[in-house]
Amino acid sequence: MSGVNPLDMYSRASEEAFRLEAQQRYAVPAEDEQFRAFTEGRPMPSDPRVNRSMQIIRAATARGCRIRRVHVVDLPLTVYLRYELAAYRENTDVGERSASPSAAGTRTSAS
């Protein structure tokens, strides 16, 4: 990942922030507990870092800034990518727009 902190970018953006992700796995030790819960079929536990991220995205979209993300993925999806795509639901719930593959392997766009 580049040296750009997406949350700083979202906080400073006035009209639009765009994030392109292309890696098939990100090594984020802070995700270990949520990833483990996902792979075990349990609800993902609350995480203060995620909650803060959602607050920042919600504030940006509330002031009229468009937050968009595209994640380029290889098929078939790995367990990690299925986890990450499931976690994007929180982001779209607070206003981020993301493009991701559907279960059939075609691109879909979440509002």
PDB file of N, CA and C in Angstrom:
ATOM      1  N   MET A   1       0.841  -1.171   0.000  1.00  0.00           N
ATOM      2  CA  MET A   1       0.000   0.000   0.000  1.00  0.00           C
ATOM      3  C   MET A   1       0.884   1.231   0.000  1.00  0.00           C
ATOM      4  N   SER A   2       0.419   2.286  -0.637  1.00  0.00           N
ATOM      5  CA  SER A   2       1.192   3.517  -0.709  1.00  0.00           C
ATOM      6  C   SER A   2       1.248   4.182   0.660  1.00  0.00           C
ATOM      7  N   GLY A   3       1.995   5.262   0.765  1.00  0.00           N
ATOM      8  CA  GLY A   3       2.109   5.990   2.008  1.00  0.00           C
ATOM      9  C   GLY A   3       0.897   6.848   2.328  1.00  0.00           C
ATOM     10  N   VAL A   4      -0.130   6.802   1.500  1.00  0.00           N
ATOM     11  CA  VAL A   4      -1.337   7.599   1.721  1.00  0.00           C
ATOM     12  C   VAL A   4      -2.232   6.887   2.730  1.00  0.00           C
ATOM     13  N   ASN A   5      -2.632   7.604   3.764  1.00  0.00           N
ATOM     14  CA  ASN A   5      -3.582   7.072   4.738  1.00  0.00           C
ATOM     15  C   ASN A   5      -4.984   7.384   4.218  1.00  0.00           C
ATOM     16  N   PRO A   6      -5.764   6.364   3.855  1.00  0.00           N
ATOM     17  CA  PRO A   6      -7.093   6.625   3.300  1.00  0.00           C
ATOM     18  C   PRO A   6      -7.981   7.459   4.220  1.00  0.00           C
ATOM     19  N   LEU A   7      -7.888   7.257   5.527  1.00  0.00           N
ATOM     20  CA  LEU A   7      -8.737   8.022   6.428  1.00  0.00           C
ATOM     21  C   LEU A   7      -8.371   9.494   6.429  1.00  0.00           C
ATOM     22  N   ASP A   8      -7.075   9.810   6.326  1.00  0.00           N
ATOM     23  CA  ASP A   8      -6.669  11.210   6.190  1.00  0.00           C
ATOM     24  C   ASP A   8      -7.197  11.782   4.880  1.00  0.00           C
ATOM     25  N   MET A   9      -7.109  10.991   3.818  1.00  0.00           N
ATOM     26  CA  MET A   9      -7.604  11.429   2.512  1.00  0.00           C
ATOM     27  C   MET A   9      -9.108  11.714   2.595  1.00  0.00           C
ATOM     28  N   TYR A  10      -9.863  10.816   3.231  1.00  0.00           N
ATOM     29  CA  TYR A  10     -11.307  11.012   3.346  1.00  0.00           C
ATOM     30  C   TYR A  10     -11.629  12.243   4.187  1.00  0.00           C
ATOM     31  N   SER A  11     -10.849  12.476   5.228  1.00  0.00           N
ATOM     32  CA  SER A  11     -11.094  13.627   6.103  1.00  0.00           C
ATOM     33  C   SER A  11     -10.833  14.948   5.390  1.00  0.00           C
ATOM     34  N   ARG A  12      -9.849  14.964   4.489  1.00  0.00           N
ATOM     35  CA  ARG A  12      -9.473  16.214   3.800  1.00  0.00           C
ATOM     36  C   ARG A  12     -10.228  16.445   2.501  1.00  0.00           C
ATOM     37  N   ALA A  13     -10.775  15.391   1.911  1.00  0.00           N
ATOM     38  CA  ALA A  13     -11.416  15.519   0.600  1.00  0.00           C
ATOM     39  C   ALA A  13     -12.642  16.425   0.681  1.00  0.00           C
ATOM     40  N   SER A  14     -12.780  17.279  -0.334  1.00  0.00           N
ATOM     41  CA  SER A  14     -13.934  18.175  -0.348  1.00  0.00           C
ATOM     42  C   SER A  14     -15.018  17.703  -1.314  1.00  0.00           C
ATOM     43  N   GLU A  15     -14.618  17.036  -2.400  1.00  0.00           N
ATOM     44  CA  GLU A  15     -15.609  16.595  -3.379  1.00  0.00           C
ATOM     45  C   GLU A  15     -15.613  15.084  -3.581  1.00  0.00           C
ATOM     46  N   GLU A  16     -14.424  14.490  -3.690  1.00  0.00           N
ATOM     47  CA  GLU A  16     -14.356  13.072  -3.989  1.00  0.00           C
ATOM     48  C   GLU A  16     -13.030  12.485  -3.524  1.00  0.00           C
ATOM     49  N   ALA A  17     -13.097  11.230  -3.064  1.00  0.00           N
ATOM     50  CA  ALA A  17     -11.893  10.462  -2.733  1.00  0.00           C
ATOM     51  C   ALA A  17     -12.056   9.100  -3.400  1.00  0.00           C
ATOM     52  N   PHE A  18     -11.029   8.667  -4.105  1.00  0.00           N
ATOM     53  CA  PHE A  18     -11.065   7.403  -4.836  1.00  0.00           C
ATOM     54  C   PHE A  18      -9.949   6.506  -4.344  1.00  0.00           C
ATOM     55  N   ARG A  19     -10.282   5.257  -4.115  1.00  0.00           N
ATOM     56  CA  ARG A  19      -9.300   4.288  -3.615  1.00  0.00           C
ATOM     57  C   ARG A  19      -9.311   3.069  -4.535  1.00  0.00           C
ATOM     58  N   LEU A  20      -8.144   2.745  -5.076  1.00  0.00           N
ATOM     59  CA  LEU A  20      -7.983   1.569  -5.923  1.00  0.00           C
ATOM     60  C   LEU A  20      -7.174   0.541  -5.157  1.00  0.00           C
ATOM     61  N   GLU A  21      -7.722  -0.653  -5.018  1.00  0.00           N
ATOM     62  CA  GLU A  21      -7.016  -1.739  -4.342  1.00  0.00           C
ATOM     63  C   GLU A  21      -6.802  -2.855  -5.351  1.00  0.00           C
ATOM     64  N   ALA A  22      -5.606  -3.407  -5.390  1.00  0.00           N
ATOM     65  CA  ALA A  22      -5.309  -4.456  -6.361  1.00  0.00           C
ATOM     66  C   ALA A  22      -4.665  -5.688  -5.733  1.00  0.00           C
ATOM     67  N   GLN A  23      -4.251  -5.588  -4.484  1.00  0.00           N
ATOM     68  CA  GLN A  23      -3.638  -6.757  -3.855  1.00  0.00           C
ATOM     69  C   GLN A  23      -4.709  -7.785  -3.500  1.00  0.00           C
ATOM     70  N   GLN A  24      -4.325  -9.042  -3.530  1.00  0.00           N
ATOM     71  CA  GLN A  24      -5.263 -10.112  -3.225  1.00  0.00           C
ATOM     72  C   GLN A  24      -5.315 -10.416  -1.731  1.00  0.00           C
ATOM     73  N   ARG A  25      -4.362  -9.884  -0.999  1.00  0.00           N
ATOM     74  CA  ARG A  25      -4.362 -10.018   0.460  1.00  0.00           C
ATOM     75  C   ARG A  25      -3.551  -8.861   1.043  1.00  0.00           C
ATOM     76  N   TYR A  26      -4.081  -8.292   2.096  1.00  0.00           N
ATOM     77  CA  TYR A  26      -3.365  -7.246   2.809  1.00  0.00           C
ATOM     78  C   TYR A  26      -2.977  -7.816   4.163  1.00  0.00           C
ATOM     79  N   ALA A  27      -1.739  -7.651   4.554  1.00  0.00           N
ATOM     80  CA  ALA A  27      -1.256  -8.138   5.851  1.00  0.00           C
ATOM     81  C   ALA A  27      -1.546  -7.067   6.897  1.00  0.00           C
ATOM     82  N   VAL A  28      -2.680  -7.216   7.555  1.00  0.00           N
ATOM     83  CA  VAL A  28      -3.113  -6.250   8.562  1.00  0.00           C
ATOM     84  C   VAL A  28      -3.360  -7.016   9.862  1.00  0.00           C
ATOM     85  N   PRO A  29      -2.368  -7.065  10.749  1.00  0.00           N
ATOM     86  CA  PRO A  29      -2.533  -7.833  11.992  1.00  0.00           C
ATOM     87  C   PRO A  29      -3.777  -7.430  12.788  1.00  0.00           C
ATOM     88  N   ALA A  30      -4.193  -6.174  12.689  1.00  0.00           N
ATOM     89  CA  ALA A  30      -5.374  -5.726  13.425  1.00  0.00           C
ATOM     90  C   ALA A  30      -6.648  -6.411  12.941  1.00  0.00           C
ATOM     91  N   GLU A  31      -6.610  -7.020  11.751  1.00  0.00           N
ATOM     92  CA  GLU A  31      -7.783  -7.715  11.214  1.00  0.00           C
ATOM     93  C   GLU A  31      -7.877  -9.168  11.673  1.00  0.00           C
ATOM     94  N   ASP A  32      -6.871  -9.673  12.354  1.00  0.00           N
ATOM     95  CA  ASP A  32      -6.816 -11.102  12.676  1.00  0.00           C
ATOM     96  C   ASP A  32      -8.075 -11.613  13.375  1.00  0.00           C
ATOM     97  N   GLU A  33      -8.556 -10.886  14.374  1.00  0.00           N
ATOM     98  CA  GLU A  33      -9.725 -11.359  15.132  1.00  0.00           C
ATOM     99  C   GLU A  33     -10.974 -11.377  14.257  1.00  0.00           C
ATOM    100  N   GLN A  34     -11.164 -10.333  13.457  1.00  0.00           N
ATOM    101  CA  GLN A  34     -12.328 -10.303  12.569  1.00  0.00           C
ATOM    102  C   GLN A  34     -12.225 -11.383  11.492  1.00  0.00           C
ATOM    103  N   PHE A  35     -11.035 -11.569  10.927  1.00  0.00           N
ATOM    104  CA  PHE A  35     -10.848 -12.579   9.895  1.00  0.00           C
ATOM    105  C   PHE A  35     -11.120 -13.973  10.460  1.00  0.00           C
ATOM    106  N   ARG A  36     -10.634 -14.234  11.649  1.00  0.00           N
ATOM    107  CA  ARG A  36     -10.856 -15.533  12.281  1.00  0.00           C
ATOM    108  C   ARG A  36     -12.359 -15.765  12.495  1.00  0.00           C
ATOM    109  N   ALA A  37     -13.065 -14.751  12.969  1.00  0.00           N
ATOM    110  CA  ALA A  37     -14.512 -14.883  13.168  1.00  0.00           C
ATOM    111  C   ALA A  37     -15.208 -15.175  11.836  1.00  0.00           C
ATOM    112  N   PHE A  38     -14.804 -14.480  10.784  1.00  0.00           N
ATOM    113  CA  PHE A  38     -15.397 -14.707   9.457  1.00  0.00           C
ATOM    114  C   PHE A  38     -15.179 -16.149   9.003  1.00  0.00           C
ATOM    115  N   THR A  39     -13.947 -16.646   9.141  1.00  0.00           N
ATOM    116  CA  THR A  39     -13.654 -18.000   8.658  1.00  0.00           C
ATOM    117  C   THR A  39     -14.352 -19.068   9.501  1.00  0.00           C
ATOM    118  N   GLU A  40     -14.705 -18.726  10.734  1.00  0.00           N
ATOM    119  CA  GLU A  40     -15.414 -19.663  11.604  1.00  0.00           C
ATOM    120  C   GLU A  40     -16.929 -19.512  11.506  1.00  0.00           C
ATOM    121  N   GLY A  41     -17.383 -18.601  10.631  1.00  0.00           N
ATOM    122  CA  GLY A  41     -18.817 -18.416  10.446  1.00  0.00           C
ATOM    123  C   GLY A  41     -19.499 -17.632  11.550  1.00  0.00           C
ATOM    124  N   ARG A  42     -18.709 -16.926  12.350  1.00  0.00           N
ATOM    125  CA  ARG A  42     -19.267 -16.115  13.437  1.00  0.00           C
ATOM    126  C   ARG A  42     -19.393 -14.664  12.979  1.00  0.00           C
ATOM    127  N   PRO A  43     -20.259 -13.890  13.626  1.00  0.00           N
ATOM    128  CA  PRO A  43     -20.314 -12.454  13.316  1.00  0.00           C
ATOM    129  C   PRO A  43     -18.965 -11.817  13.624  1.00  0.00           C
ATOM    130  N   MET A  44     -18.577 -10.856  12.810  1.00  0.00           N
ATOM    131  CA  MET A  44     -17.303 -10.176  13.054  1.00  0.00           C
ATOM    132  C   MET A  44     -17.461  -9.259  14.262  1.00  0.00           C
ATOM    133  N   PRO A  45     -16.527  -9.344  15.213  1.00  0.00           N
ATOM    134  CA  PRO A  45     -16.627  -8.513  16.415  1.00  0.00           C
ATOM    135  C   PRO A  45     -16.416  -7.038  16.090  1.00  0.00           C
ATOM    136  N   SER A  46     -16.956  -6.212  16.942  1.00  0.00           N
ATOM    137  CA  SER A  46     -16.762  -4.773  16.808  1.00  0.00           C
ATOM    138  C   SER A  46     -15.283  -4.447  16.992  1.00  0.00           C
ATOM    139  N   ASP A  47     -14.817  -3.456  16.251  1.00  0.00           N
ATOM    140  CA  ASP A  47     -13.413  -3.048  16.322  1.00  0.00           C
ATOM    141  C   ASP A  47     -13.387  -1.526  16.369  1.00  0.00           C
ATOM    142  N   PRO A  48     -12.783  -0.941  17.403  1.00  0.00           N
ATOM    143  CA  PRO A  48     -12.753   0.526  17.508  1.00  0.00           C
ATOM    144  C   PRO A  48     -12.143   1.205  16.280  1.00  0.00           C
ATOM    145  N   ARG A  49     -11.156   0.582  15.639  1.00  0.00           N
ATOM    146  CA  ARG A  49     -10.547   1.176  14.439  1.00  0.00           C
ATOM    147  C   ARG A  49     -11.548   1.214  13.288  1.00  0.00           C
ATOM    148  N   VAL A  50     -12.308   0.135  13.151  1.00  0.00           N
ATOM    149  CA  VAL A  50     -13.328   0.099  12.103  1.00  0.00           C
ATOM    150  C   VAL A  50     -14.413   1.121  12.409  1.00  0.00           C
ATOM    151  N   ASN A  51     -14.824   1.197  13.671  1.00  0.00           N
ATOM    152  CA  ASN A  51     -15.850   2.166  14.054  1.00  0.00           C
ATOM    153  C   ASN A  51     -15.394   3.590  13.734  1.00  0.00           C
ATOM    154  N   ARG A  52     -14.138   3.893  13.999  1.00  0.00           N
ATOM    155  CA  ARG A  52     -13.593   5.230  13.689  1.00  0.00           C
ATOM    156  C   ARG A  52     -13.579   5.462  12.183  1.00  0.00           C
ATOM    157  N   SER A  53     -13.211   4.452  11.422  1.00  0.00           N
ATOM    158  CA  SER A  53     -13.222   4.568   9.960  1.00  0.00           C
ATOM    159  C   SER A  53     -14.623   4.889   9.465  1.00  0.00           C
ATOM    160  N   MET A  54     -15.614   4.202  10.026  1.00  0.00           N
ATOM    161  CA  MET A  54     -17.000   4.423   9.594  1.00  0.00           C
ATOM    162  C   MET A  54     -17.449   5.846   9.935  1.00  0.00           C
ATOM    163  N   GLN A  55     -17.013   6.359  11.080  1.00  0.00           N
ATOM    164  CA  GLN A  55     -17.351   7.742  11.454  1.00  0.00           C
ATOM    165  C   GLN A  55     -16.771   8.731  10.449  1.00  0.00           C
ATOM    166  N   ILE A  56     -15.536   8.499  10.032  1.00  0.00           N
ATOM    167  CA  ILE A  56     -14.878   9.400   9.083  1.00  0.00           C
ATOM    168  C   ILE A  56     -15.565   9.345   7.723  1.00  0.00           C
ATOM    169  N   ILE A  57     -15.888   8.145   7.243  1.00  0.00           N
ATOM    170  CA  ILE A  57     -16.565   8.014   5.952  1.00  0.00           C
ATOM    171  C   ILE A  57     -17.951   8.640   6.025  1.00  0.00           C
ATOM    172  N   ARG A  58     -18.676   8.390   7.100  1.00  0.00           N
ATOM    173  CA  ARG A  58     -20.013   8.973   7.273  1.00  0.00           C
ATOM    174  C   ARG A  58     -19.940  10.503   7.267  1.00  0.00           C
ATOM    175  N   ALA A  59     -18.958  11.070   7.969  1.00  0.00           N
ATOM    176  CA  ALA A  59     -18.816  12.532   8.016  1.00  0.00           C
ATOM    177  C   ALA A  59     -18.485  13.092   6.635  1.00  0.00           C
ATOM    178  N   ALA A  60     -17.613  12.409   5.904  1.00  0.00           N
ATOM    179  CA  ALA A  60     -17.244  12.875   4.566  1.00  0.00           C
ATOM    180  C   ALA A  60     -18.449  12.859   3.633  1.00  0.00           C
ATOM    181  N   THR A  61     -19.197  11.768   3.649  1.00  0.00           N
ATOM    182  CA  THR A  61     -20.352  11.690   2.747  1.00  0.00           C
ATOM    183  C   THR A  61     -21.455  12.652   3.190  1.00  0.00           C
ATOM    184  N   ALA A  62     -21.568  12.904   4.481  1.00  0.00           N
ATOM    185  CA  ALA A  62     -22.577  13.848   4.979  1.00  0.00           C
ATOM    186  C   ALA A  62     -22.292  15.271   4.500  1.00  0.00           C
ATOM    187  N   ARG A  63     -21.014  15.601   4.308  1.00  0.00           N
ATOM    188  CA  ARG A  63     -20.691  16.940   3.825  1.00  0.00           C
ATOM    189  C   ARG A  63     -20.665  16.992   2.289  1.00  0.00           C
ATOM    190  N   GLY A  64     -21.095  15.900   1.645  1.00  0.00           N
ATOM    191  CA  GLY A  64     -21.227  15.894   0.190  1.00  0.00           C
ATOM    192  C   GLY A  64     -20.064  15.306  -0.577  1.00  0.00           C
ATOM    193  N   CYS A  65     -19.079  14.755   0.113  1.00  0.00           N
ATOM    194  CA  CYS A  65     -17.923  14.160  -0.546  1.00  0.00           C
ATOM    195  C   CYS A  65     -18.277  12.735  -0.981  1.00  0.00           C
ATOM    196  N   ARG A  66     -17.937  12.395  -2.207  1.00  0.00           N
ATOM    197  CA  ARG A  66     -18.135  11.030  -2.701  1.00  0.00           C
ATOM    198  C   ARG A  66     -16.903  10.201  -2.354  1.00  0.00           C
ATOM    199  N   ILE A  67     -17.116   9.090  -1.678  1.00  0.00           N
ATOM    200  CA  ILE A  67     -16.039   8.163  -1.333  1.00  0.00           C
ATOM    201  C   ILE A  67     -16.254   6.927  -2.202  1.00  0.00           C
ATOM    202  N   ARG A  68     -15.264   6.614  -3.029  1.00  0.00           N
ATOM    203  CA  ARG A  68     -15.400   5.474  -3.942  1.00  0.00           C
ATOM    204  C   ARG A  68     -14.194   4.555  -3.820  1.00  0.00           C
ATOM    205  N   ARG A  69     -14.460   3.255  -4.035  1.00  0.00           N
ATOM    206  CA  ARG A  69     -13.401   2.252  -3.961  1.00  0.00           C
ATOM    207  C   ARG A  69     -13.651   1.209  -5.050  1.00  0.00           C
ATOM    208  N   VAL A  70     -12.565   0.792  -5.690  1.00  0.00           N
ATOM    209  CA  VAL A  70     -12.593  -0.337  -6.612  1.00  0.00           C
ATOM    210  C   VAL A  70     -11.519  -1.302  -6.146  1.00  0.00           C
ATOM    211  N   HIS A  71     -11.884  -2.575  -6.066  1.00  0.00           N
ATOM    212  CA  HIS A  71     -10.909  -3.598  -5.703  1.00  0.00           C
ATOM    213  C   HIS A  71     -10.837  -4.574  -6.870  1.00  0.00           C
ATOM    214  N   VAL A  72      -9.688  -4.635  -7.505  1.00  0.00           N
ATOM    215  CA  VAL A  72      -9.449  -5.561  -8.604  1.00  0.00           C
ATOM    216  C   VAL A  72      -9.100  -6.906  -7.977  1.00  0.00           C
ATOM    217  N   VAL A  73      -9.831  -7.947  -8.358  1.00  0.00           N
ATOM    218  CA  VAL A  73      -9.618  -9.254  -7.737  1.00  0.00           C
ATOM    219  C   VAL A  73      -9.363 -10.331  -8.780  1.00  0.00           C
ATOM    220  N   ASP A  74      -8.674 -11.370  -8.354  1.00  0.00           N
ATOM    221  CA  ASP A  74      -8.495 -12.567  -9.163  1.00  0.00           C
ATOM    222  C   ASP A  74      -9.585 -13.563  -8.779  1.00  0.00           C
ATOM    223  N   LEU A  75     -10.048 -14.312  -9.753  1.00  0.00           N
ATOM    224  CA  LEU A  75     -11.029 -15.362  -9.500  1.00  0.00           C
ATOM    225  C   LEU A  75     -10.358 -16.713  -9.645  1.00  0.00           C
ATOM    226  N   PRO A  76     -10.709 -17.682  -8.858  1.00  0.00           N
ATOM    227  CA  PRO A  76     -11.747 -17.623  -7.830  1.00  0.00           C
ATOM    228  C   PRO A  76     -11.271 -16.813  -6.619  1.00  0.00           C
ATOM    229  N   LEU A  77     -12.239 -16.275  -5.898  1.00  0.00           N
ATOM    230  CA  LEU A  77     -11.914 -15.465  -4.730  1.00  0.00           C
ATOM    231  C   LEU A  77     -11.295 -16.320  -3.634  1.00  0.00           C
ATOM    232  N   THR A  78     -10.275 -15.776  -3.000  1.00  0.00           N
ATOM    233  CA  THR A  78      -9.677 -16.439  -1.842  1.00  0.00           C
ATOM    234  C   THR A  78     -10.570 -16.202  -0.628  1.00  0.00           C
ATOM    235  N   VAL A  79     -10.323 -16.942   0.428  1.00  0.00           N
ATOM    236  CA  VAL A  79     -11.071 -16.738   1.668  1.00  0.00           C
ATOM    237  C   VAL A  79     -10.864 -15.304   2.157  1.00  0.00           C
ATOM    238  N   TYR A  80      -9.633 -14.809   2.056  1.00  0.00           N
ATOM    239  CA  TYR A  80      -9.364 -13.435   2.512  1.00  0.00           C
ATOM    240  C   TYR A  80     -10.199 -12.430   1.722  1.00  0.00           C
ATOM    241  N   LEU A  81     -10.273 -12.580   0.407  1.00  0.00           N
ATOM    242  CA  LEU A  81     -11.058 -11.628  -0.389  1.00  0.00           C
ATOM    243  C   LEU A  81     -12.546 -11.731  -0.073  1.00  0.00           C
ATOM    244  N   ARG A  82     -13.032 -12.928   0.174  1.00  0.00           N
ATOM    245  CA  ARG A  82     -14.447 -13.056   0.565  1.00  0.00           C
ATOM    246  C   ARG A  82     -14.687 -12.323   1.884  1.00  0.00           C
ATOM    247  N   TYR A  83     -13.736 -12.443   2.797  1.00  0.00           N
ATOM    248  CA  TYR A  83     -13.825 -11.707   4.070  1.00  0.00           C
ATOM    249  C   TYR A  83     -13.837 -10.197   3.811  1.00  0.00           C
ATOM    250  N   GLU A  84     -12.892  -9.739   3.024  1.00  0.00           N
ATOM    251  CA  GLU A  84     -12.784  -8.303   2.782  1.00  0.00           C
ATOM    252  C   GLU A  84     -14.040  -7.753   2.099  1.00  0.00           C
ATOM    253  N   LEU A  85     -14.543  -8.475   1.116  1.00  0.00           N
ATOM    254  CA  LEU A  85     -15.753  -8.022   0.429  1.00  0.00           C
ATOM    255  C   LEU A  85     -16.951  -8.013   1.369  1.00  0.00           C
ATOM    256  N   ALA A  86     -17.016  -8.968   2.284  1.00  0.00           N
ATOM    257  CA  ALA A  86     -18.097  -8.966   3.277  1.00  0.00           C
ATOM    258  C   ALA A  86     -17.967  -7.760   4.202  1.00  0.00           C
ATOM    259  N   ALA A  87     -16.743  -7.419   4.547  1.00  0.00           N
ATOM    260  CA  ALA A  87     -16.511  -6.284   5.442  1.00  0.00           C
ATOM    261  C   ALA A  87     -16.857  -4.952   4.772  1.00  0.00           C
ATOM    262  N   TYR A  88     -16.840  -4.902   3.451  1.00  0.00           N
ATOM    263  CA  TYR A  88     -17.186  -3.664   2.738  1.00  0.00           C
ATOM    264  C   TYR A  88     -18.626  -3.238   2.997  1.00  0.00           C
ATOM    265  N   ARG A  89     -19.472  -4.170   3.419  1.00  0.00           N
ATOM    266  CA  ARG A  89     -20.876  -3.812   3.677  1.00  0.00           C
ATOM    267  C   ARG A  89     -20.973  -2.662   4.666  1.00  0.00           C
ATOM    268  N   GLU A  90     -20.134  -2.687   5.690  1.00  0.00           N
ATOM    269  CA  GLU A  90     -20.146  -1.582   6.659  1.00  0.00           C
ATOM    270  C   GLU A  90     -19.840  -0.259   5.967  1.00  0.00           C
ATOM    271  N   ASN A  91     -18.874  -0.281   5.054  1.00  0.00           N
ATOM    272  CA  ASN A  91     -18.491   0.937   4.349  1.00  0.00           C
ATOM    273  C   ASN A  91     -19.639   1.467   3.486  1.00  0.00           C
ATOM    274  N   THR A  92     -20.288   0.567   2.769  1.00  0.00           N
ATOM    275  CA  THR A  92     -21.389   1.024   1.908  1.00  0.00           C
ATOM    276  C   THR A  92     -22.570   1.496   2.751  1.00  0.00           C
ATOM    277  N   ASP A  93     -22.739   0.921   3.934  1.00  0.00           N
ATOM    278  CA  ASP A  93     -23.818   1.361   4.822  1.00  0.00           C
ATOM    279  C   ASP A  93     -23.649   2.807   5.264  1.00  0.00           C
ATOM    280  N   VAL A  94     -22.409   3.300   5.308  1.00  0.00           N
ATOM    281  CA  VAL A  94     -22.177   4.684   5.738  1.00  0.00           C
ATOM    282  C   VAL A  94     -21.904   5.620   4.557  1.00  0.00           C
ATOM    283  N   GLY A  95     -22.079   5.114   3.327  1.00  0.00           N
ATOM    284  CA  GLY A  95     -22.027   6.007   2.177  1.00  0.00           C
ATOM    285  C   GLY A  95     -20.933   5.780   1.163  1.00  0.00           C
ATOM    286  N   GLU A  96     -19.994   4.880   1.429  1.00  0.00           N
ATOM    287  CA  GLU A  96     -18.950   4.619   0.436  1.00  0.00           C
ATOM    288  C   GLU A  96     -19.554   3.838  -0.726  1.00  0.00           C
ATOM    289  N   ARG A  97     -19.112   4.161  -1.911  1.00  0.00           N
ATOM    290  CA  ARG A  97     -19.513   3.389  -3.089  1.00  0.00           C
ATOM    291  C   ARG A  97     -18.355   2.475  -3.440  1.00  0.00           C
ATOM    292  N   SER A  98     -18.672   1.209  -3.703  1.00  0.00           N
ATOM    293  CA  SER A  98     -17.595   0.289  -4.056  1.00  0.00           C
ATOM    294  C   SER A  98     -18.038  -0.601  -5.201  1.00  0.00           C
ATOM    295  N   ALA A  99     -17.073  -1.007  -5.992  1.00  0.00           N
ATOM    296  CA  ALA A  99     -17.315  -1.955  -7.072  1.00  0.00           C
ATOM    297  C   ALA A  99     -16.585  -3.225  -6.709  1.00  0.00           C
ATOM    298  N   SER A 100     -17.302  -4.332  -6.769  1.00  0.00           N
ATOM    299  CA  SER A 100     -16.725  -5.613  -6.393  1.00  0.00           C
ATOM    300  C   SER A 100     -17.405  -6.725  -7.171  1.00  0.00           C
ATOM    301  N   PRO A 101     -16.786  -7.900  -7.204  1.00  0.00           N
ATOM    302  CA  PRO A 101     -17.387  -9.004  -7.955  1.00  0.00           C
ATOM    303  C   PRO A 101     -18.571  -9.598  -7.196  1.00  0.00           C
ATOM    304  N   SER A 102     -19.534 -10.119  -7.939  1.00  0.00           N
ATOM    305  CA  SER A 102     -20.624 -10.854  -7.318  1.00  0.00           C
ATOM    306  C   SER A 102     -20.201 -12.299  -7.151  1.00  0.00           C
ATOM    307  N   ALA A 103     -21.030 -13.108  -6.559  1.00  0.00           N
ATOM    308  CA  ALA A 103     -20.709 -14.510  -6.366  1.00  0.00           C
ATOM    309  C   ALA A 103     -20.521 -15.219  -7.698  1.00  0.00           C
ATOM    310  N   ALA A 104     -21.174 -14.722  -8.752  1.00  0.00           N
ATOM    311  CA  ALA A 104     -21.057 -15.344 -10.069  1.00  0.00           C
ATOM    312  C   ALA A 104     -19.812 -14.892 -10.798  1.00  0.00           C
ATOM    313  N   GLY A 105     -19.050 -13.968 -10.209  1.00  0.00           N
ATOM    314  CA  GLY A 105     -17.814 -13.518 -10.828  1.00  0.00           C
ATOM    315  C   GLY A 105     -17.982 -12.329 -11.746  1.00  0.00           C
ATOM    316  N   THR A 106     -19.146 -11.678 -11.735  1.00  0.00           N
ATOM    317  CA  THR A 106     -19.333 -10.481 -12.538  1.00  0.00           C
ATOM    318  C   THR A 106     -19.258  -9.274 -11.631  1.00  0.00           C
ATOM    319  N   ARG A 107     -18.936  -8.139 -12.208  1.00  0.00           N
ATOM    320  CA  ARG A 107     -18.786  -6.923 -11.423  1.00  0.00           C
ATOM    321  C   ARG A 107     -20.149  -6.374 -11.025  1.00  0.00           C
ATOM    322  N   THR A 108     -20.263  -5.977  -9.798  1.00  0.00           N
ATOM    323  CA  THR A 108     -21.465  -5.310  -9.319  1.00  0.00           C
ATOM    324  C   THR A 108     -21.050  -4.023  -8.650  1.00  0.00           C
ATOM    325  N   SER A 109     -21.957  -3.108  -8.529  1.00  0.00           N
ATOM    326  CA  SER A 109     -21.660  -1.851  -7.863  1.00  0.00           C
ATOM    327  C   SER A 109     -22.623  -1.663  -6.728  1.00  0.00           C
ATOM    328  N   ALA A 110     -22.105  -1.389  -5.555  1.00  0.00           N
ATOM    329  CA  ALA A 110     -22.936  -1.094  -4.389  1.00  0.00           C
ATOM    330  C   ALA A 110     -23.142   0.403  -4.324  1.00  0.00           C
ATOM    331  N   SER A 111     -24.310   0.797  -3.931  1.00  0.00           N
ATOM    332  CA  SER A 111     -24.571   2.224  -3.824  1.00  0.00           C
ATOM    333  C   SER A 111     -23.955   2.715  -2.567  1.00  0.00           C
TER     334      SER A 111
END
